[in-house]
Protein backbone atom coordinates (compact mmCIF):
# COMPACT_ATOMS: atom_id res chain seq x y z
CA UNK A 1 49.80 180.21 89.84
CA UNK A 2 46.47 181.58 91.10
CA UNK A 3 45.77 185.23 91.81
CA UNK A 4 48.45 187.86 92.16
CA UNK A 5 49.38 189.16 95.60
CA UNK A 6 49.62 192.81 96.63
CA UNK A 7 53.40 192.70 96.10
CA UNK A 8 52.96 191.71 92.47
CA UNK A 9 50.61 194.67 91.93
CA UNK A 10 53.03 197.08 93.65
CA UNK A 11 55.86 195.94 91.36
CA UNK A 12 53.65 196.39 88.30
CA UNK A 13 52.64 199.87 89.49
CA UNK A 14 56.30 200.82 90.09
CA UNK A 15 57.26 199.66 86.57
CA UNK A 16 54.38 201.62 85.03
CA UNK A 17 55.42 204.75 86.96
CA UNK A 18 59.01 204.35 85.79
CA UNK A 19 58.00 203.89 82.16
CA UNK A 20 55.34 206.58 81.82
CA UNK A 21 56.13 208.99 84.64
CA UNK A 22 53.61 210.66 86.91
CA UNK A 23 52.91 213.62 84.61
CA UNK A 24 51.89 211.42 81.71
CA UNK A 25 49.69 209.27 83.95
CA UNK A 26 48.03 212.39 85.37
CA UNK A 27 47.32 213.62 81.83
CA UNK A 28 45.87 210.25 80.86
CA UNK A 29 43.58 210.38 83.90
CA UNK A 30 42.40 213.90 83.03
CA UNK A 31 41.80 212.94 79.40
CA UNK A 32 39.84 209.88 80.46
CA UNK A 33 37.73 211.98 82.84
CA UNK A 34 36.98 214.52 80.10
CA UNK A 35 36.02 211.73 77.72
CA UNK A 36 33.58 210.24 80.24
CA UNK A 37 32.11 213.69 80.95
CA UNK A 38 31.70 214.36 77.23
CA UNK A 39 29.99 211.01 76.76
CA UNK A 40 27.55 211.70 79.60
CA UNK A 41 26.78 215.18 78.22
CA UNK A 42 26.25 213.69 74.77
CA UNK A 43 23.83 211.10 76.10
CA UNK A 44 21.98 213.73 78.12
CA UNK A 45 21.88 216.02 75.07
CA UNK A 46 20.30 213.29 72.93
CA UNK A 47 17.64 212.63 75.56
CA UNK A 48 16.78 216.34 75.74
CA UNK A 49 16.74 216.57 71.93
CA UNK A 50 14.37 213.58 71.71
CA UNK A 51 12.02 215.23 74.22
CA UNK A 52 12.10 218.47 72.22
CA UNK A 53 11.33 216.64 68.97
CA UNK A 54 8.41 214.87 70.58
CA UNK A 55 6.99 218.17 71.81
CA UNK A 56 7.34 219.87 68.42
CA UNK A 57 5.66 217.17 66.35
CA UNK A 58 1.87 217.26 66.47
CA UNK A 59 0.16 214.00 67.36
CA UNK A 60 -0.85 211.85 64.41
CA UNK A 61 -4.59 211.96 63.69
CA UNK A 62 -4.64 209.24 61.07
CA UNK A 63 -5.84 211.66 58.38
CA UNK A 64 -3.89 212.36 55.23
CA UNK A 65 -4.05 215.79 53.63
CA UNK A 66 -3.23 215.77 49.96
CA UNK A 67 -2.58 218.78 47.80
CA UNK A 68 -0.28 220.22 45.21
CA UNK A 69 1.42 223.54 44.71
CA UNK A 70 0.43 225.14 41.43
CA UNK A 71 2.24 228.47 41.67
CA UNK A 72 4.65 230.04 44.09
CA UNK A 73 3.89 233.63 44.97
CA UNK A 74 6.21 236.00 46.72
CA UNK A 75 5.01 238.62 49.14
CA UNK A 76 6.99 241.75 49.83
CA UNK A 77 7.32 242.75 53.43
């Protein structure tokens, strides 16, 4: 009733192979690998984006600049 032996696992593997076939299992493995790779790239992309945002924003000086726009002017280039 305790843990399963190696023979139990081999029977389960044989049944899974018979049901799904090797081609389908290979495709599932490739899809899972691509999903993990995409997740890692996404996490790396967010870290790089955060670094870029931190570099773009000037440090806060604690001063507030107030003003208002009275008239928009257009310049011709």
